[in-house]
Amino acid sequence: MHRVLSSLAVGLSVLSLTACPAKTPPRTEAQVPPPPPIRVPPGCESNQAGEYFHAENPAFRYHGEDDGGTLSLSVVRAHADGGTDAPDASTATIVLQRTPEGFVGQTHATGFTSSGAPCPVTFPTEVEVCGDAGLTLRSAASTSIDEGCRTAPAGAPAVRLRQVLLRGEPDAGR
């Protein structure tokens, strides 16, 4: 009987040890680092939506939409009577994001091969100045594409030019 009791006691001890839940290690939550700060020129944090025109050629008009992170500028057609058409999918657009690397993005337009075939092209673009008068952008002025609509490997390096967009509608005297 003593053997049965001791076997029973050992069996119960083993059962009680295996029935206890294992101690779970303490939880350590991974700390997600905060995103890097957005770095844009002074004044560019504010909403840049509105109507613009090119300072050197007022026939180039732009309609800007700004959601606080992305500014989209669409080229609109100007008429002789001063009116404009709404932007459509075939017009050039400039899409800029506020990022830790600046207020940067691309200009999307249509280019043409040497045979005249239309091709979508993109140019790196950035905002240099945001002010009450308007925006100053820096963008490539041209690109070389081959007949397959790819960037031509032997093309001239892109020259980046400043483009000044003024707010509002151009005056007759501008």
C-alpha atoms as a PDB file:
ATOM      1  CA  MET A   1       0.000   0.000   0.000  1.00  0.00           C
ATOM      2  CA  HIS A   2       2.904   2.243   0.773  1.00  0.00           C
ATOM      3  CA  ARG A   3       4.090   1.813  -2.821  1.00  0.00           C
ATOM      4  CA  VAL A   4       0.693   2.697  -4.201  1.00  0.00           C
ATOM      5  CA  LEU A   5       0.541   5.810  -2.021  1.00  0.00           C
ATOM      6  CA  SER A   6       4.026   6.923  -2.924  1.00  0.00           C
ATOM      7  CA  SER A   7       3.366   6.289  -6.630  1.00  0.00           C
ATOM      8  CA  LEU A   8       0.115   8.136  -6.277  1.00  0.00           C
ATOM      9  CA  ALA A   9       1.844  11.062  -4.520  1.00  0.00           C
ATOM     10  CA  VAL A  10       4.554  11.261  -7.190  1.00  0.00           C
ATOM     11  CA  GLY A  11       1.939  11.021  -9.966  1.00  0.00           C
ATOM     12  CA  LEU A  12      -0.139  13.801  -8.401  1.00  0.00           C
ATOM     13  CA  SER A  13       2.960  15.952  -8.001  1.00  0.00           C
ATOM     14  CA  VAL A  14       3.874  15.474 -11.660  1.00  0.00           C
ATOM     15  CA  LEU A  15       0.297  16.196 -12.728  1.00  0.00           C
ATOM     16  CA  SER A  16       0.116  19.330 -10.641  1.00  0.00           C
ATOM     17  CA  LEU A  17       3.406  20.598 -12.082  1.00  0.00           C
ATOM     18  CA  THR A  18       2.343  19.958 -15.650  1.00  0.00           C
ATOM     19  CA  ALA A  19      -1.121  21.438 -15.076  1.00  0.00           C
ATOM     20  CA  CYS A  20       0.316  24.806 -13.989  1.00  0.00           C
ATOM     21  CA  PRO A  21       0.538  27.291 -16.802  1.00  0.00           C
ATOM     22  CA  ALA A  22       4.041  28.277 -17.736  1.00  0.00           C
ATOM     23  CA  LYS A  23       5.108  31.719 -16.728  1.00  0.00           C
ATOM     24  CA  THR A  24       4.821  34.003 -19.733  1.00  0.00           C
ATOM     25  CA  PRO A  25       7.743  36.307 -20.281  1.00  0.00           C
ATOM     26  CA  PRO A  26       6.999  39.972 -19.712  1.00  0.00           C
ATOM     27  CA  ARG A  27       5.800  41.762 -22.827  1.00  0.00           C
ATOM     28  CA  THR A  28       8.124  44.259 -24.318  1.00  0.00           C
ATOM     29  CA  GLU A  29       6.367  46.384 -26.900  1.00  0.00           C
ATOM     30  CA  ALA A  30       8.576  47.486 -29.732  1.00  0.00           C
ATOM     31  CA  GLN A  31       8.886  51.241 -29.765  1.00  0.00           C
ATOM     32  CA  VAL A  32       8.193  52.497 -33.260  1.00  0.00           C
ATOM     33  CA  PRO A  33      10.388  55.514 -33.863  1.00  0.00           C
ATOM     34  CA  PRO A  34       8.519  58.665 -34.820  1.00  0.00           C
ATOM     35  CA  PRO A  35       8.597  59.555 -38.508  1.00  0.00           C
ATOM     36  CA  PRO A  36      11.336  61.979 -39.525  1.00  0.00           C
ATOM     37  CA  PRO A  37      10.236  65.612 -39.526  1.00  0.00           C
ATOM     38  CA  ILE A  38       8.905  67.148 -42.711  1.00  0.00           C
ATOM     39  CA  ARG A  39      11.380  69.725 -44.063  1.00  0.00           C
ATOM     40  CA  VAL A  40       9.930  72.209 -46.515  1.00  0.00           C
ATOM     41  CA  PRO A  41      10.787  75.834 -47.299  1.00  0.00           C
ATOM     42  CA  PRO A  42       9.190  78.433 -44.990  1.00  0.00           C
ATOM     43  CA  GLY A  43       5.544  79.054 -45.844  1.00  0.00           C
ATOM     44  CA  CYS A  44       5.147  75.734 -47.660  1.00  0.00           C
ATOM     45  CA  GLU A  45       3.429  74.128 -44.665  1.00  0.00           C
ATOM     46  CA  SER A  46       0.310  76.183 -45.422  1.00  0.00           C
ATOM     47  CA  ASN A  47      -2.308  75.284 -48.012  1.00  0.00           C
ATOM     48  CA  GLN A  48      -1.080  76.116 -51.527  1.00  0.00           C
ATOM     49  CA  ALA A  49      -4.356  75.391 -53.359  1.00  0.00           C
ATOM     50  CA  GLY A  50      -5.556  77.972 -55.842  1.00  0.00           C
ATOM     51  CA  GLU A  51      -5.073  79.430 -59.281  1.00  0.00           C
ATOM     52  CA  TYR A  52      -1.628  80.310 -60.652  1.00  0.00           C
ATOM     53  CA  PHE A  53      -0.073  81.571 -63.862  1.00  0.00           C
ATOM     54  CA  HIS A  54       3.501  81.418 -65.149  1.00  0.00           C
ATOM     55  CA  ALA A  55       5.355  84.697 -64.508  1.00  0.00           C
ATOM     56  CA  GLU A  56       7.145  84.656 -67.889  1.00  0.00           C
ATOM     57  CA  ASN A  57       4.227  83.348 -69.965  1.00  0.00           C
ATOM     58  CA  PRO A  58       0.787  84.107 -68.455  1.00  0.00           C
ATOM     59  CA  ALA A  59      -0.861  81.859 -71.067  1.00  0.00           C
ATOM     60  CA  PHE A  60       0.301  78.959 -68.889  1.00  0.00           C
ATOM     61  CA  ARG A  61      -2.270  78.664 -66.113  1.00  0.00           C
ATOM     62  CA  TYR A  62      -2.331  76.149 -63.258  1.00  0.00           C
ATOM     63  CA  HIS A  63      -5.035  74.888 -60.928  1.00  0.00           C
ATOM     64  CA  GLY A  64      -3.642  73.727 -57.569  1.00  0.00           C
ATOM     65  CA  GLU A  65      -5.213  71.280 -55.101  1.00  0.00           C
ATOM     66  CA  ASP A  66      -3.559  70.700 -51.718  1.00  0.00           C
ATOM     67  CA  ASP A  67      -4.538  68.075 -49.131  1.00  0.00           C
ATOM     68  CA  GLY A  68      -1.872  69.109 -46.615  1.00  0.00           C
ATOM     69  CA  GLY A  69       0.634  66.473 -47.729  1.00  0.00           C
ATOM     70  CA  THR A  70       0.459  66.622 -51.515  1.00  0.00           C
ATOM     71  CA  LEU A  71       0.108  69.597 -53.839  1.00  0.00           C
ATOM     72  CA  SER A  72      -1.143  68.801 -57.358  1.00  0.00           C
ATOM     73  CA  LEU A  73      -0.917  71.480 -60.037  1.00  0.00           C
ATOM     74  CA  SER A  74      -2.711  70.856 -63.335  1.00  0.00           C
ATOM     75  CA  VAL A  75      -2.108  72.915 -66.437  1.00  0.00           C
ATOM     76  CA  VAL A  76      -5.323  74.492 -67.693  1.00  0.00           C
ATOM     77  CA  ARG A  77      -5.917  76.001 -71.109  1.00  0.00           C
ATOM     78  CA  ALA A  78      -6.355  79.775 -71.248  1.00  0.00           C
ATOM     79  CA  HIS A  79      -8.685  81.368 -73.808  1.00  0.00           C
ATOM     80  CA  ALA A  80      -8.338  84.780 -75.444  1.00  0.00           C
ATOM     81  CA  ASP A  81     -11.374  85.996 -73.470  1.00  0.00           C
ATOM     82  CA  GLY A  82      -9.529  85.247 -70.210  1.00  0.00           C
ATOM     83  CA  GLY A  83     -11.433  82.061 -69.336  1.00  0.00           C
ATOM     84  CA  THR A  84      -9.867  78.653 -68.780  1.00  0.00           C
ATOM     85  CA  ASP A  85     -10.865  75.037 -69.366  1.00  0.00           C
ATOM     86  CA  ALA A  86     -10.921  72.532 -66.539  1.00  0.00           C
ATOM     87  CA  PRO A  87      -7.824  70.313 -66.365  1.00  0.00           C
ATOM     88  CA  ASP A  88      -8.141  66.983 -68.143  1.00  0.00           C
ATOM     89  CA  ALA A  89      -6.111  63.783 -68.264  1.00  0.00           C
ATOM     90  CA  SER A  90      -4.118  64.909 -71.307  1.00  0.00           C
ATOM     91  CA  THR A  91      -2.669  68.001 -69.625  1.00  0.00           C
ATOM     92  CA  ALA A  92       0.596  68.221 -67.756  1.00  0.00           C
ATOM     93  CA  THR A  93       0.478  67.843 -63.979  1.00  0.00           C
ATOM     94  CA  ILE A  94       2.940  68.585 -61.224  1.00  0.00           C
ATOM     95  CA  VAL A  95       2.644  66.406 -58.120  1.00  0.00           C
ATOM     96  CA  LEU A  96       4.675  67.452 -55.067  1.00  0.00           C
ATOM     97  CA  GLN A  97       4.850  65.880 -51.610  1.00  0.00           C
ATOM     98  CA  ARG A  98       5.972  67.433 -48.337  1.00  0.00           C
ATOM     99  CA  THR A  99       8.720  65.047 -47.168  1.00  0.00           C
ATOM    100  CA  PRO A 100      11.795  64.965 -44.906  1.00  0.00           C
ATOM    101  CA  GLU A 101      13.807  65.600 -48.118  1.00  0.00           C
ATOM    102  CA  GLY A 102      11.809  68.725 -49.034  1.00  0.00           C
ATOM    103  CA  PHE A 103       8.725  69.655 -51.042  1.00  0.00           C
ATOM    104  CA  VAL A 104       9.544  67.330 -53.949  1.00  0.00           C
ATOM    105  CA  GLY A 105       7.931  65.333 -56.711  1.00  0.00           C
ATOM    106  CA  GLN A 106       7.548  65.139 -60.466  1.00  0.00           C
ATOM    107  CA  THR A 107       6.094  66.898 -63.447  1.00  0.00           C
ATOM    108  CA  HIS A 108       4.120  64.498 -65.650  1.00  0.00           C
ATOM    109  CA  ALA A 109       3.723  65.529 -69.282  1.00  0.00           C
ATOM    110  CA  THR A 110       3.618  64.219 -72.829  1.00  0.00           C
ATOM    111  CA  GLY A 111       6.817  64.210 -74.863  1.00  0.00           C
ATOM    112  CA  PHE A 112       7.363  63.191 -78.460  1.00  0.00           C
ATOM    113  CA  THR A 113       9.874  60.879 -80.095  1.00  0.00           C
ATOM    114  CA  SER A 114      11.872  62.030 -83.127  1.00  0.00           C
ATOM    115  CA  SER A 115       9.193  60.402 -85.328  1.00  0.00           C
ATOM    116  CA  GLY A 116       6.447  62.340 -83.525  1.00  0.00           C
ATOM    117  CA  ALA A 117       4.969  59.523 -81.417  1.00  0.00           C
ATOM    118  CA  PRO A 118       3.599  60.800 -78.076  1.00  0.00           C
ATOM    119  CA  CYS A 119       5.139  59.376 -74.881  1.00  0.00           C
ATOM    120  CA  PRO A 120       4.525  59.985 -71.185  1.00  0.00           C
ATOM    121  CA  VAL A 121       7.537  61.707 -69.590  1.00  0.00           C
ATOM    122  CA  THR A 122       8.369  62.743 -66.033  1.00  0.00           C
ATOM    123  CA  PHE A 123      10.724  65.392 -64.736  1.00  0.00           C
ATOM    124  CA  PRO A 124      12.016  65.732 -61.179  1.00  0.00           C
ATOM    125  CA  THR A 125      10.533  68.872 -59.637  1.00  0.00           C
ATOM    126  CA  GLU A 126      10.870  70.625 -56.289  1.00  0.00           C
ATOM    127  CA  VAL A 127       9.463  73.705 -54.589  1.00  0.00           C
ATOM    128  CA  GLU A 128      12.105  76.260 -53.606  1.00  0.00           C
ATOM    129  CA  VAL A 129       9.874  79.084 -52.320  1.00  0.00           C
ATOM    130  CA  CYS A 130       6.280  79.402 -51.106  1.00  0.00           C
ATOM    131  CA  GLY A 131       5.098  82.961 -50.606  1.00  0.00           C
ATOM    132  CA  ASP A 132       2.043  85.154 -50.728  1.00  0.00           C
ATOM    133  CA  ALA A 133       2.850  85.993 -54.361  1.00  0.00           C
ATOM    134  CA  GLY A 134       3.152  82.363 -55.456  1.00  0.00           C
ATOM    135  CA  LEU A 135       5.551  79.449 -55.839  1.00  0.00           C
ATOM    136  CA  THR A 136       9.059  79.060 -57.206  1.00  0.00           C
ATOM    137  CA  LEU A 137       9.717  75.600 -58.630  1.00  0.00           C
ATOM    138  CA  ARG A 138      12.881  74.021 -59.960  1.00  0.00           C
ATOM    139  CA  SER A 139      12.352  71.400 -62.642  1.00  0.00           C
ATOM    140  CA  ALA A 140      14.085  69.805 -65.587  1.00  0.00           C
ATOM    141  CA  ALA A 141      13.349  71.753 -68.757  1.00  0.00           C
ATOM    142  CA  SER A 142      13.595  68.833 -71.184  1.00  0.00           C
ATOM    143  CA  THR A 143      14.464  65.188 -71.576  1.00  0.00           C
ATOM    144  CA  SER A 144      15.557  62.907 -74.419  1.00  0.00           C
ATOM    145  CA  ILE A 145      13.478  59.844 -75.238  1.00  0.00           C
ATOM    146  CA  ASP A 146      13.979  57.075 -77.755  1.00  0.00           C
ATOM    147  CA  GLU A 147      11.408  55.562 -80.130  1.00  0.00           C
ATOM    148  CA  GLY A 148      10.349  53.141 -77.354  1.00  0.00           C
ATOM    149  CA  CYS A 149       9.419  56.054 -75.057  1.00  0.00           C
ATOM    150  CA  ARG A 150      12.377  55.278 -72.778  1.00  0.00           C
ATOM    151  CA  THR A 151      14.879  57.832 -71.559  1.00  0.00           C
ATOM    152  CA  ALA A 152      17.560  57.963 -74.229  1.00  0.00           C
ATOM    153  CA  PRO A 153      20.889  56.708 -72.830  1.00  0.00           C
ATOM    154  CA  ALA A 154      22.967  59.213 -74.822  1.00  0.00           C
ATOM    155  CA  GLY A 155      20.752  62.239 -74.254  1.00  0.00           C
ATOM    156  CA  ALA A 156      22.026  65.519 -72.927  1.00  0.00           C
ATOM    157  CA  PRO A 157      21.910  65.893 -69.139  1.00  0.00           C
ATOM    158  CA  ALA A 158      18.725  67.562 -67.922  1.00  0.00           C
ATOM    159  CA  VAL A 159      19.047  71.262 -67.191  1.00  0.00           C
ATOM    160  CA  ARG A 160      16.984  72.312 -64.177  1.00  0.00           C
ATOM    161  CA  LEU A 161      15.364  75.721 -64.423  1.00  0.00           C
ATOM    162  CA  ARG A 162      13.457  77.929 -61.996  1.00  0.00           C
ATOM    163  CA  GLN A 163       9.798  78.420 -62.814  1.00  0.00           C
ATOM    164  CA  VAL A 164       7.864  81.156 -60.997  1.00  0.00           C
ATOM    165  CA  LEU A 165       4.121  80.630 -60.657  1.00  0.00           C
ATOM    166  CA  LEU A 166       2.170  83.667 -59.468  1.00  0.00           C
ATOM    167  CA  ARG A 167      -1.129  83.417 -57.601  1.00  0.00           C
ATOM    168  CA  GLY A 168      -4.358  84.564 -59.178  1.00  0.00           C
ATOM    169  CA  GLU A 169      -5.226  85.687 -62.673  1.00  0.00           C
ATOM    170  CA  PRO A 170      -2.776  87.696 -64.799  1.00  0.00           C
ATOM    171  CA  ASP A 171      -3.559  91.392 -65.313  1.00  0.00           C
ATOM    172  CA  ALA A 172      -3.726  92.774 -68.819  1.00  0.00           C
ATOM    173  CA  GLY A 173      -0.532  94.716 -68.037  1.00  0.00           C
ATOM    174  CA  ARG A 174       1.498  91.660 -66.986  1.00  0.00           C
END
